[in-house]
């Protein structure tokens, strides 16, 4: 009886996801490269924070040079965030027109490294818009024109969730699920709706109005935010501006990720996302077990035919919700069968994040430790 009840709860959860009007499981919000002959106009400055990015930034800058053919005049500012590798030398050798390299300083107390690097670059921006670009992002030709066209529709912030790098078993298995879970946490349709309280952005590619950024208090207004991209979107949207986020094939990550890399990426923000609350972490853990594993257990070990049937329906609903993400990224649809295992991997990384947070460390990233106790 208990298994039947739990399976029914799991089925209700997945039916709720399927029927919710915002359709978080779908991939309707997307922006692809525009290959028409129109030329992007140089109303933006590119800001690239870079800390030990020698293995990717050269290719990212080469792609940036060809992403807007015929419009080479957009200023590009790279902030070398105290790198200990050859990042600066590779940037200088790139030959990109209108490139400025800033030797970043150590972040002051209360600042995260990326936000402090961006703030140093923002002080030199005079264009109406700013393109915040991670150092590992390769832009496709035509995507800048698409970004500008979307911003011209009245959006102060346009953000793209860059396609992951698919090299390696870990990336092919876990990163589609990572994007899928992000869309469940921050439904794009709600984030793009003016009156909704949901606000989201993906930090890899963000085109933002400079005045809207200044009105929000610049990066110092959320200087200690660990999930800095969503904090930015929340501030911009909270000031009454429109924001938009979507998927794309026109921006791809160059960063290869193994199992350890993905675990650390999740652990960097998971406990912060859960408001550094042990009780909320326990509740989310219970929900994940019910939603992702109870359908499997009920189908395989259910004591009654009713439990088997409800478990089968819940499992089918769970797989159906994941398929659009796999299909968008051209992944094998059979990978949906591994979704419970991916959820378990993320849950373990979340508890690692919680253990570290309860021990006093909010986040660790690129050699910097951010301690608890700050505002």
Protein backbone atom coordinates (compact mmCIF):
# COMPACT_ATOMS: atom_id res chain seq x y z
CA UNK A 1 0.00 0.00 0.00
CA UNK A 2 2.82 2.39 0.89
CA UNK A 3 4.54 1.74 -2.45
CA UNK A 4 1.30 2.46 -4.31
CA UNK A 5 0.84 5.75 -2.46
CA UNK A 6 4.42 6.83 -3.14
CA UNK A 7 4.10 5.87 -6.80
CA UNK A 8 0.90 7.89 -7.03
CA UNK A 9 2.71 10.90 -5.55
CA UNK A 10 5.49 10.51 -8.11
CA UNK A 11 2.94 10.26 -10.92
CA UNK A 12 1.18 13.38 -9.65
CA UNK A 13 4.51 15.25 -9.64
CA UNK A 14 5.30 14.37 -13.25
CA UNK A 15 1.77 15.06 -14.45
CA UNK A 16 2.08 18.46 -12.79
CA UNK A 17 5.29 19.12 -14.71
CA UNK A 18 3.68 18.01 -17.98
CA UNK A 19 0.50 20.04 -17.54
CA UNK A 20 1.91 23.22 -16.00
CA UNK A 21 1.14 26.05 -18.45
CA UNK A 22 4.72 27.35 -18.46
CA UNK A 23 6.01 24.04 -19.92
CA UNK A 24 9.38 23.96 -18.16
CA UNK A 25 10.09 20.53 -19.70
CA UNK A 26 9.79 21.85 -23.25
CA UNK A 27 12.45 23.67 -25.27
CA UNK A 28 10.29 26.40 -26.76
CA UNK A 29 12.47 29.31 -25.65
CA UNK A 30 15.38 29.24 -28.05
CA UNK A 31 17.46 31.68 -30.08
CA UNK A 32 19.59 30.49 -32.96
CA UNK A 33 22.15 32.19 -35.16
CA UNK A 34 20.83 34.46 -37.90
CA UNK A 35 22.66 33.67 -41.14
CA UNK A 36 21.04 36.44 -43.16
CA UNK A 37 23.44 39.02 -44.65
CA UNK A 38 22.50 41.68 -42.09
CA UNK A 39 25.50 43.00 -40.15
CA UNK A 40 25.41 43.45 -36.34
CA UNK A 41 25.87 47.02 -35.24
CA UNK A 42 28.52 47.92 -32.73
CA UNK A 43 26.40 49.22 -29.87
CA UNK A 44 27.99 46.90 -27.32
CA UNK A 45 31.25 46.25 -25.51
CA UNK A 46 32.32 42.68 -24.78
CA UNK A 47 33.44 41.98 -21.21
CA UNK A 48 35.31 38.72 -20.66
CA UNK A 49 36.50 37.84 -17.14
CA UNK A 50 39.31 35.30 -17.36
CA UNK A 51 41.06 33.40 -14.58
CA UNK A 52 43.44 30.65 -15.72
CA UNK A 53 41.68 30.19 -19.06
CA UNK A 54 44.71 29.61 -21.29
CA UNK A 55 43.28 26.33 -22.59
CA UNK A 56 40.11 27.91 -24.01
CA UNK A 57 40.36 31.68 -24.37
CA UNK A 58 42.37 31.66 -27.59
CA UNK A 59 39.68 29.74 -29.47
CA UNK A 60 36.95 31.83 -27.84
CA UNK A 61 38.57 35.05 -29.09
CA UNK A 62 39.06 33.64 -32.58
CA UNK A 63 35.37 32.73 -32.70
CA UNK A 64 34.44 36.19 -31.46
CA UNK A 65 36.39 37.74 -34.33
CA UNK A 66 34.28 35.84 -36.88
CA UNK A 67 30.94 35.94 -35.06
CA UNK A 68 30.17 39.40 -36.48
CA UNK A 69 31.75 39.57 -39.94
CA UNK A 70 31.84 43.08 -41.31
CA UNK A 71 31.52 44.64 -37.86
CA UNK A 72 34.98 44.36 -36.30
CA UNK A 73 34.74 47.56 -34.30
CA UNK A 74 33.04 46.31 -31.14
CA UNK A 75 35.35 46.94 -28.17
CA UNK A 76 36.48 43.82 -26.32
CA UNK A 77 37.74 44.07 -22.74
CA UNK A 78 39.39 41.03 -21.18
CA UNK A 79 39.96 41.21 -17.43
CA UNK A 80 42.77 38.89 -16.42
CA UNK A 81 41.66 37.87 -12.94
CA UNK A 82 45.12 37.19 -11.49
CA UNK A 83 45.78 34.18 -13.71
CA UNK A 84 48.82 32.04 -13.03
CA UNK A 85 48.93 30.50 -16.51
CA UNK A 86 49.43 31.99 -20.00
CA UNK A 87 46.00 33.63 -20.24
CA UNK A 88 47.39 37.15 -20.67
CA UNK A 89 49.96 36.12 -23.27
CA UNK A 90 47.33 34.32 -25.35
CA UNK A 91 45.00 37.33 -25.19
CA UNK A 92 47.76 39.68 -26.32
CA UNK A 93 48.66 37.35 -29.20
CA UNK A 94 45.06 37.07 -30.41
CA UNK A 95 45.28 40.13 -32.67
CA UNK A 96 41.62 40.95 -32.03
CA UNK A 97 40.82 44.55 -33.08
CA UNK A 98 39.84 47.03 -30.37
CA UNK A 99 41.02 44.69 -27.62
CA UNK A 100 41.87 45.94 -24.14
CA UNK A 101 43.53 43.68 -21.58
CA UNK A 102 43.14 44.67 -17.94
CA UNK A 103 45.33 43.23 -15.21
CA UNK A 104 42.70 42.59 -12.56
CA UNK A 105 43.34 43.10 -8.88
CA UNK A 106 42.43 40.86 -5.98
CA UNK A 107 38.73 41.07 -5.07
CA UNK A 108 38.04 43.25 -2.02
CA UNK A 109 36.40 41.71 1.01
CA UNK A 110 32.81 40.77 0.28
CA UNK A 111 33.27 40.37 -3.48
CA UNK A 112 33.36 37.20 -5.54
CA UNK A 113 36.17 37.09 -8.06
CA UNK A 114 34.08 37.09 -11.24
CA UNK A 115 31.89 40.01 -10.17
CA UNK A 116 34.91 42.07 -9.13
CA UNK A 117 36.56 41.37 -12.50
CA UNK A 118 33.40 42.43 -14.34
CA UNK A 119 33.14 45.59 -12.26
CA UNK A 120 36.69 46.56 -13.22
CA UNK A 121 35.83 46.10 -16.88
CA UNK A 122 32.49 47.90 -16.64
CA UNK A 123 34.25 51.08 -15.53
CA UNK A 124 35.70 51.38 -19.07
CA UNK A 125 32.45 50.74 -20.96
CA UNK A 126 30.77 53.63 -22.77
CA UNK A 127 28.55 51.78 -25.27
CA UNK A 128 24.76 51.46 -24.77
CA UNK A 129 24.98 47.71 -24.27
CA UNK A 130 27.36 45.25 -22.64
CA UNK A 131 27.94 41.66 -23.73
CA UNK A 132 29.04 39.57 -20.75
CA UNK A 133 30.86 36.59 -22.17
CA UNK A 134 32.61 33.77 -20.35
CA UNK A 135 36.12 32.96 -21.51
CA UNK A 136 35.18 29.44 -22.58
CA UNK A 137 32.28 30.42 -24.89
CA UNK A 138 32.58 30.00 -28.65
CA UNK A 139 30.08 32.16 -30.54
CA UNK A 140 28.80 31.07 -33.93
CA UNK A 141 28.59 33.53 -36.83
CA UNK A 142 25.21 35.24 -36.78
CA UNK A 143 24.40 34.77 -33.12
CA UNK A 144 25.30 38.36 -32.21
CA UNK A 145 22.77 39.67 -34.73
CA UNK A 146 20.14 37.39 -33.18
CA UNK A 147 21.00 38.65 -29.69
CA UNK A 148 20.67 42.26 -30.77
CA UNK A 149 17.42 41.62 -32.59
CA UNK A 150 15.95 40.00 -29.47
CA UNK A 151 17.14 42.91 -27.31
CA UNK A 152 15.53 45.34 -29.77
CA UNK A 153 12.18 43.75 -28.92
CA UNK A 154 12.35 45.59 -25.61
CA UNK A 155 14.44 43.31 -23.43
CA UNK A 156 17.01 44.97 -21.20
CA UNK A 157 18.69 41.60 -20.62
CA UNK A 158 18.98 38.72 -23.09
CA UNK A 159 20.75 35.58 -21.93
CA UNK A 160 21.62 32.36 -23.72
CA UNK A 161 22.21 29.00 -22.13
CA UNK A 162 25.27 27.91 -24.08
CA UNK A 163 25.38 24.38 -25.43
CA UNK A 164 27.73 22.25 -23.30
CA UNK A 165 30.89 20.65 -24.59
CA UNK A 166 29.99 17.01 -25.24
CA UNK A 167 33.49 15.53 -25.01
CA UNK A 168 33.59 12.62 -22.57
CA UNK A 169 31.09 10.17 -21.11
CA UNK A 170 30.39 12.37 -18.08
CA UNK A 171 29.42 15.35 -20.23
CA UNK A 172 27.21 13.36 -22.60
CA UNK A 173 25.40 11.72 -19.68
CA UNK A 174 25.11 14.49 -17.11
CA UNK A 175 25.11 17.87 -18.86
CA UNK A 176 21.78 17.48 -20.69
CA UNK A 177 20.28 16.64 -17.31
CA UNK A 178 22.00 19.68 -15.80
CA UNK A 179 20.28 21.97 -18.33
CA UNK A 180 16.99 20.12 -17.80
CA UNK A 181 17.10 20.59 -14.03
CA UNK A 182 18.00 24.26 -14.49
CA UNK A 183 14.89 24.72 -16.63
CA UNK A 184 12.77 23.00 -13.97
CA UNK A 185 14.17 25.28 -11.26
CA UNK A 186 13.83 28.42 -13.37
CA UNK A 187 11.08 27.88 -15.95
CA UNK A 188 12.12 30.00 -18.91
CA UNK A 189 8.56 30.96 -19.81
CA UNK A 190 8.06 32.44 -16.33
CA UNK A 191 11.49 34.09 -16.33
CA UNK A 192 10.60 35.76 -19.63
CA UNK A 193 7.20 36.97 -18.40
CA UNK A 194 7.08 40.57 -17.23
CA UNK A 195 4.86 40.08 -14.19
CA UNK A 196 6.43 36.86 -12.93
CA UNK A 197 8.70 36.78 -9.88
CA UNK A 198 10.93 34.16 -11.51
CA UNK A 199 14.18 35.65 -12.82
CA UNK A 200 16.98 33.71 -14.48
CA UNK A 201 20.05 34.18 -16.63
CA UNK A 202 22.89 31.99 -17.81
CA UNK A 203 26.20 33.69 -17.11
CA UNK A 204 28.00 32.46 -20.23
CA UNK A 205 26.24 34.85 -22.63
CA UNK A 206 24.36 37.93 -21.43
CA UNK A 207 23.58 41.04 -23.51
CA UNK A 208 22.42 43.82 -21.20
CA UNK A 209 21.58 47.49 -21.45
CA UNK A 210 24.30 49.51 -19.74
CA UNK A 211 21.79 51.97 -18.24
CA UNK A 212 19.74 49.11 -16.78
CA UNK A 213 22.92 47.72 -15.25
CA UNK A 214 23.83 51.09 -13.78
CA UNK A 215 20.29 51.56 -12.42
CA UNK A 216 20.59 48.18 -10.70
CA UNK A 217 23.67 49.38 -8.81
CA UNK A 218 26.28 47.71 -11.04
CA UNK A 219 27.87 44.47 -9.92
CA UNK A 220 28.53 45.82 -6.45
CA UNK A 221 24.83 45.54 -5.61
CA UNK A 222 25.16 41.73 -5.49
CA UNK A 223 28.91 41.59 -4.98
CA UNK A 224 28.90 38.40 -2.88
CA UNK A 225 26.34 36.45 -4.93
CA UNK A 226 27.45 32.90 -5.70
CA UNK A 227 24.71 32.42 -8.31
CA UNK A 228 25.63 35.76 -9.84
CA UNK A 229 23.83 35.40 -13.18
CA UNK A 230 20.40 34.82 -11.63
CA UNK A 231 21.10 37.55 -9.06
CA UNK A 232 21.76 39.93 -11.97
CA UNK A 233 18.49 38.95 -13.67
CA UNK A 234 16.56 39.37 -10.42
CA UNK A 235 17.91 42.90 -9.96
CA UNK A 236 17.20 43.92 -13.55
CA UNK A 237 13.72 42.43 -13.53
CA UNK A 238 13.01 43.84 -10.08
CA UNK A 239 13.63 47.32 -11.48
CA UNK A 240 10.82 46.83 -13.98
CA UNK A 241 12.89 45.83 -17.01
CA UNK A 242 12.09 42.91 -19.27
CA UNK A 243 14.44 39.91 -19.38
CA UNK A 244 14.69 36.92 -21.69
CA UNK A 245 16.54 33.60 -21.44
CA UNK A 246 16.64 30.73 -23.90
CA UNK A 247 18.59 27.81 -25.29
CA UNK A 248 20.87 28.04 -28.29
CA UNK A 249 23.20 26.11 -30.55
CA UNK A 250 24.85 29.41 -31.50
CA UNK A 251 27.01 29.59 -28.36
CA UNK A 252 28.90 26.52 -27.19
CA UNK A 253 31.15 25.89 -24.24
CA UNK A 254 34.74 24.87 -24.89
CA UNK A 255 35.23 23.62 -21.35
CA UNK A 256 35.60 19.86 -21.13
CA UNK A 257 34.14 18.36 -17.98
CA UNK A 258 34.75 15.00 -16.29
CA UNK A 259 32.78 13.58 -13.37
CA UNK A 260 34.81 15.52 -10.83
CA UNK A 261 34.43 18.80 -12.71
CA UNK A 262 30.66 18.42 -12.89
CA UNK A 263 30.43 17.47 -9.22
CA UNK A 264 32.39 20.58 -8.22
CA UNK A 265 30.29 22.74 -10.54
CA UNK A 266 27.12 21.56 -8.81
CA UNK A 267 28.64 21.79 -5.34
CA UNK A 268 29.65 25.40 -6.00
CA UNK A 269 26.03 26.60 -5.95
CA UNK A 270 23.71 23.80 -4.81
CA UNK A 271 23.56 24.56 -1.08
CA UNK A 272 23.35 28.29 -1.78
CA UNK A 273 20.44 27.57 -4.13
CA UNK A 274 18.78 25.79 -1.20
CA UNK A 275 19.22 28.94 0.92
CA UNK A 276 21.89 27.15 2.98
CA UNK A 277 19.07 25.35 4.78
CA UNK A 278 19.52 21.79 6.03
CA UNK A 279 15.77 21.25 6.31
CA UNK A 280 15.20 22.42 2.73
CA UNK A 281 18.01 20.13 1.56
CA UNK A 282 16.35 17.19 3.29
CA UNK A 283 13.00 18.04 1.74
CA UNK A 284 14.46 18.32 -1.76
CA UNK A 285 16.30 15.02 -1.25
CA UNK A 286 13.06 13.28 -0.32
CA UNK A 287 11.32 14.79 -3.35
CA UNK A 288 14.09 13.60 -5.69
CA UNK A 289 13.91 10.06 -4.33
CA UNK A 290 10.13 9.96 -4.71
CA UNK A 291 10.09 11.54 -8.18
CA UNK A 292 13.01 9.67 -9.76
CA UNK A 293 13.36 6.36 -7.95
CA UNK A 294 9.93 5.39 -6.67
CA UNK A 295 8.60 4.89 -10.24
CA UNK A 296 11.50 2.50 -10.89
CA UNK A 297 11.01 0.62 -7.62
CA UNK A 298 7.24 0.41 -8.06
CA UNK A 299 7.61 -0.90 -11.59
CA UNK A 300 10.27 -3.47 -10.66
CA UNK A 301 9.28 -4.48 -7.14
CA UNK A 302 5.73 -3.26 -6.61
CA UNK A 303 3.76 -5.79 -4.52
CA UNK A 304 0.54 -5.36 -6.49
CA UNK A 305 -0.54 -4.88 -10.10
CA UNK A 306 -1.82 -1.43 -9.19
CA UNK A 307 1.64 -0.44 -7.92
CA UNK A 308 3.22 -1.79 -11.11
CA UNK A 309 0.76 0.14 -13.28
CA UNK A 310 1.16 3.43 -11.44
CA UNK A 311 4.94 2.99 -11.40
CA UNK A 312 4.92 2.41 -15.17
CA UNK A 313 2.83 5.53 -15.78
CA UNK A 314 5.08 7.62 -13.52
CA UNK A 315 8.20 6.31 -15.25
CA UNK A 316 6.77 7.07 -18.70
CA UNK A 317 5.81 10.58 -17.60
CA UNK A 318 9.30 11.14 -16.18
CA UNK A 319 10.96 10.02 -19.42
CA UNK A 320 8.56 12.07 -21.53
CA UNK A 321 9.50 15.22 -19.63
CA UNK A 322 13.20 14.70 -20.33
CA UNK A 323 13.01 13.76 -24.01
CA UNK A 324 12.66 17.32 -25.46
CA UNK A 325 15.97 18.35 -23.89
CA UNK A 326 17.74 15.27 -25.27
CA UNK A 327 16.22 15.82 -28.70
CA UNK A 328 17.17 19.51 -28.75
CA UNK A 329 20.80 18.63 -28.06
CA UNK A 330 20.69 15.69 -30.51
CA UNK A 331 21.48 13.18 -27.78
CA UNK A 332 20.44 9.54 -27.80
CA UNK A 333 16.82 9.35 -26.55
CA UNK A 334 17.67 6.14 -24.69
CA UNK A 335 19.76 8.31 -22.35
CA UNK A 336 16.45 9.22 -20.71
CA UNK A 337 16.58 5.81 -19.02
CA UNK A 338 19.62 7.01 -17.07
CA UNK A 339 17.86 10.08 -15.67
CA UNK A 340 17.36 8.57 -12.18
CA UNK A 341 21.10 7.88 -11.99
CA UNK A 342 21.87 11.44 -13.09
CA UNK A 343 19.51 12.78 -10.42
CA UNK A 344 21.32 10.64 -7.86
CA UNK A 345 24.69 12.05 -8.96
CA UNK A 346 23.37 15.59 -8.57
CA UNK A 347 21.89 14.73 -5.17
CA UNK A 348 25.23 13.40 -3.92
CA UNK A 349 26.97 16.56 -5.18
CA UNK A 350 24.30 18.64 -3.43
CA UNK A 351 25.00 16.91 -0.13
CA UNK A 352 28.72 17.50 -0.66
CA UNK A 353 27.85 21.17 -1.14
CA UNK A 354 25.74 21.09 2.05
CA UNK A 355 28.51 19.40 4.04
CA UNK A 356 30.99 22.00 2.91
CA UNK A 357 28.55 24.83 3.59
CA UNK A 358 27.75 23.63 7.08
CA UNK A 359 31.49 23.44 7.74
CA UNK A 360 31.74 27.15 6.94
CA UNK A 361 32.53 27.38 3.22
CA UNK A 362 29.79 28.73 0.97
CA UNK A 363 31.56 27.97 -2.28
CA UNK A 364 34.90 27.05 -3.82
CA UNK A 365 35.76 28.02 -7.37
CA UNK A 366 39.02 28.42 -9.27
CA UNK A 367 41.13 28.31 -6.15
CA UNK A 368 39.08 30.83 -4.19
CA UNK A 369 37.14 29.91 -1.05
CA UNK A 370 34.09 31.97 -0.12
CA UNK A 371 33.25 31.61 3.53
CA UNK A 372 29.87 31.78 5.22
CA UNK A 373 28.89 34.64 7.43
CA UNK A 374 28.88 37.46 4.88
CA UNK A 375 25.81 39.42 3.90
